[in-house]
Amino acid sequence: MSPRGLVSPPVPARPVRLTRRRLFALAALAPVAGAALSACDGASGASGPDPLIAQARAARDDAELIGAVIAATPALTDRLTPVRQARTDHAAALEAEVARLAGGSPGPATPGTSTAPAADPTTAAVVAALKKSANDAGALVATLPAARVGLVAEVAASCAAWMQVLS
């Protein structure tokens, strides 16, 4: 019994035909590939404050806004409580990551810098805040080192998902 029947013959290599559709697809992917490769250098490249501090502050602000909406409209408590918990968890995780890199223990985002909740808190205001948080976190992903991308991408995806649920 020979192993010939178990092994398939090699597929002959032939040149890849570069069609106009493939060329357009490659051109569309070039900026994304460039951004991804520049984010993989392993260095933060930023000399300013940690960008996750602003993300943690936004998460706390979103949780406060959601709390104001719940206080103004108690009928929305069941619908908004999971979103509020998710944003509170995001803030805690982001603060823990900032503290991990700084070599300290996690603390709340810089106090006194949060924005006041909207005068008339509504679900639309929460959706707008979640949209802004998702966009900001999504834009930040391409600039972060690989070790931090997963956390910020999860925050962006979660905000986008909750935004869709509440819309």
Protein backbone atom coordinates (compact mmCIF):
# COMPACT_ATOMS: atom_id res chain seq x y z
CA MET A 1 0.00 0.00 0.00
CA SER A 2 1.56 3.24 -1.07
CA PRO A 3 0.92 6.67 0.43
CA ARG A 4 0.36 8.00 -3.07
CA GLY A 5 -3.39 7.90 -2.73
CA LEU A 6 -3.24 9.93 0.49
CA VAL A 7 -1.23 12.84 -0.88
CA SER A 8 -2.68 15.15 -3.48
CA PRO A 9 -0.43 16.30 -6.29
CA PRO A 10 1.00 19.82 -5.93
CA VAL A 11 -0.97 22.63 -7.50
CA PRO A 12 1.01 24.22 -10.31
CA ALA A 13 1.85 27.86 -9.64
CA ARG A 14 0.55 30.32 -12.14
CA PRO A 15 0.89 34.06 -12.23
CA VAL A 16 -1.74 36.10 -10.44
CA ARG A 17 -3.76 38.18 -12.81
CA LEU A 18 -4.01 41.79 -11.64
CA THR A 19 -7.47 42.94 -12.64
CA ARG A 20 -8.82 46.44 -12.18
CA ARG A 21 -11.00 45.21 -9.30
CA ARG A 22 -7.98 43.75 -7.47
CA LEU A 23 -5.99 46.93 -8.08
CA PHE A 24 -8.76 49.06 -6.56
CA ALA A 25 -9.01 46.71 -3.57
CA LEU A 26 -5.26 46.94 -2.98
CA ALA A 27 -5.37 50.72 -3.28
CA ALA A 28 -8.21 50.88 -0.74
CA LEU A 29 -6.29 48.71 1.72
CA ALA A 30 -3.00 50.61 1.45
CA PRO A 31 -3.83 53.35 4.03
CA VAL A 32 -5.13 50.76 6.49
CA ALA A 33 -2.01 48.65 6.09
CA GLY A 34 0.18 51.73 6.55
CA ALA A 35 -1.60 52.69 9.75
CA ALA A 36 -1.43 49.14 11.06
CA LEU A 37 2.27 48.84 10.33
CA SER A 38 3.06 52.19 11.92
CA ALA A 39 1.22 51.09 15.07
CA CYS A 40 3.33 47.94 15.30
CA ASP A 41 6.63 49.65 16.03
CA GLY A 42 6.32 48.80 19.74
CA ALA A 43 6.99 52.34 20.97
CA SER A 44 4.25 54.63 22.08
CA GLY A 45 5.71 57.55 20.14
CA ALA A 46 3.72 60.02 22.19
CA SER A 47 5.48 62.31 24.61
CA GLY A 48 2.28 63.82 25.99
CA PRO A 49 -0.16 62.44 28.54
CA ASP A 50 -1.36 58.88 28.22
CA PRO A 51 -4.25 58.85 25.70
CA LEU A 52 -6.09 56.27 27.81
CA ILE A 53 -6.62 58.88 30.53
CA ALA A 54 -8.97 60.78 28.23
CA GLN A 55 -10.74 57.53 27.33
CA ALA A 56 -11.23 56.69 31.01
CA ARG A 57 -12.54 60.21 31.67
CA ALA A 58 -15.00 59.86 28.76
CA ALA A 59 -16.18 56.52 30.14
CA ARG A 60 -16.83 58.10 33.56
CA ASP A 61 -18.63 61.03 31.90
CA ASP A 62 -20.81 58.63 29.91
CA ALA A 63 -21.68 56.72 33.10
CA GLU A 64 -22.61 60.00 34.82
CA LEU A 65 -24.78 61.02 31.86
CA ILE A 66 -26.53 57.66 31.91
CA GLY A 67 -27.10 58.07 35.66
CA ALA A 68 -28.69 61.46 35.00
CA VAL A 69 -30.97 59.96 32.34
CA ILE A 70 -31.99 57.19 34.74
CA ALA A 71 -32.72 59.79 37.45
CA ALA A 72 -34.79 61.88 35.01
CA THR A 73 -36.62 58.89 33.49
CA PRO A 74 -36.82 55.96 35.94
CA ALA A 75 -38.72 53.90 33.36
CA LEU A 76 -35.41 53.52 31.46
CA THR A 77 -33.56 52.03 34.43
CA ASP A 78 -33.67 48.42 33.19
CA ARG A 79 -32.57 49.46 29.70
CA LEU A 80 -29.73 51.78 30.69
CA THR A 81 -28.25 50.10 33.77
CA PRO A 82 -26.22 47.54 31.74
CA VAL A 83 -24.81 50.37 29.59
CA ARG A 84 -23.87 52.35 32.67
CA GLN A 85 -22.17 49.30 34.17
CA ALA A 86 -20.28 48.65 30.93
CA ARG A 87 -18.98 52.24 30.80
CA THR A 88 -18.00 52.08 34.49
CA ASP A 89 -16.13 48.83 33.79
CA HIS A 90 -14.42 50.47 30.79
CA ALA A 91 -13.24 53.34 32.97
CA ALA A 92 -11.87 50.95 35.59
CA ALA A 93 -10.04 48.83 32.99
CA LEU A 94 -8.56 51.87 31.26
CA GLU A 95 -7.44 53.35 34.58
CA ALA A 96 -5.87 50.03 35.55
CA GLU A 97 -3.93 49.96 32.26
CA VAL A 98 -2.70 53.53 32.79
CA ALA A 99 -1.63 52.64 36.33
CA ARG A 100 0.07 49.45 35.12
CA LEU A 101 2.26 51.38 32.72
CA ALA A 102 2.91 54.14 35.25
CA GLY A 103 3.85 51.56 37.89
CA GLY A 104 1.20 52.65 40.39
CA SER A 105 -2.18 51.57 41.60
CA PRO A 106 -5.30 52.43 39.58
CA GLY A 107 -7.31 55.44 40.60
CA PRO A 108 -10.25 57.26 39.12
CA ALA A 109 -9.75 59.49 36.11
CA THR A 110 -8.52 62.94 36.96
CA PRO A 111 -11.20 64.41 39.22
CA GLY A 112 -12.69 67.78 38.45
CA THR A 113 -12.16 67.49 34.71
CA SER A 114 -15.38 65.74 33.79
CA THR A 115 -18.04 67.62 31.92
CA ALA A 116 -21.39 68.30 33.51
CA PRO A 117 -24.28 66.13 32.28
CA ALA A 118 -26.61 67.64 29.73
CA ALA A 119 -29.25 70.03 31.06
CA ASP A 120 -32.03 67.78 29.73
CA PRO A 121 -30.55 64.26 29.73
CA THR A 122 -32.14 62.00 27.13
CA THR A 123 -31.48 58.67 25.52
CA ALA A 124 -30.45 60.59 22.38
CA ALA A 125 -27.74 62.33 24.41
CA VAL A 126 -26.50 58.94 25.62
CA VAL A 127 -26.42 57.61 22.04
CA ALA A 128 -24.48 60.71 20.92
CA ALA A 129 -22.00 60.29 23.79
CA LEU A 130 -21.54 56.60 22.96
CA LYS A 131 -21.00 57.46 19.29
CA LYS A 132 -18.31 59.99 20.20
CA SER A 133 -16.65 57.51 22.56
CA ALA A 134 -16.71 54.76 19.92
CA ASN A 135 -15.24 57.06 17.27
CA ASP A 136 -12.54 58.41 19.60
CA ALA A 137 -11.52 54.93 20.76
CA GLY A 138 -11.59 53.60 17.20
CA ALA A 139 -9.32 56.40 16.01
CA LEU A 140 -6.96 55.78 18.91
CA VAL A 141 -6.51 52.08 18.11
CA ALA A 142 -4.21 52.72 15.13
CA THR A 143 -1.86 54.83 17.25
CA LEU A 144 -1.40 52.45 20.18
CA PRO A 145 1.19 49.74 20.76
CA ALA A 146 -0.03 46.21 20.20
CA ALA A 147 -0.32 45.45 23.91
CA ARG A 148 -3.01 48.11 24.39
CA VAL A 149 -4.97 47.73 21.16
CA GLY A 150 -7.24 44.95 22.45
CA LEU A 151 -8.52 46.96 25.40
CA VAL A 152 -9.26 50.11 23.41
CA ALA A 153 -10.76 48.14 20.50
CA GLU A 154 -13.08 46.39 22.98
CA VAL A 155 -14.17 49.76 24.33
CA ALA A 156 -14.85 51.04 20.80
CA ALA A 157 -16.79 47.90 19.85
CA SER A 158 -18.81 47.91 23.06
CA CYS A 159 -19.76 51.58 22.65
CA ALA A 160 -20.77 50.97 19.04
CA ALA A 161 -22.87 47.94 20.03
CA TRP A 162 -24.65 49.78 22.86
CA MET A 163 -25.22 52.73 20.54
CA GLN A 164 -27.02 50.43 18.12
CA VAL A 165 -29.05 48.79 20.91
CA LEU A 166 -30.26 52.17 22.18
CA SER A 167 -30.97 53.65 18.75
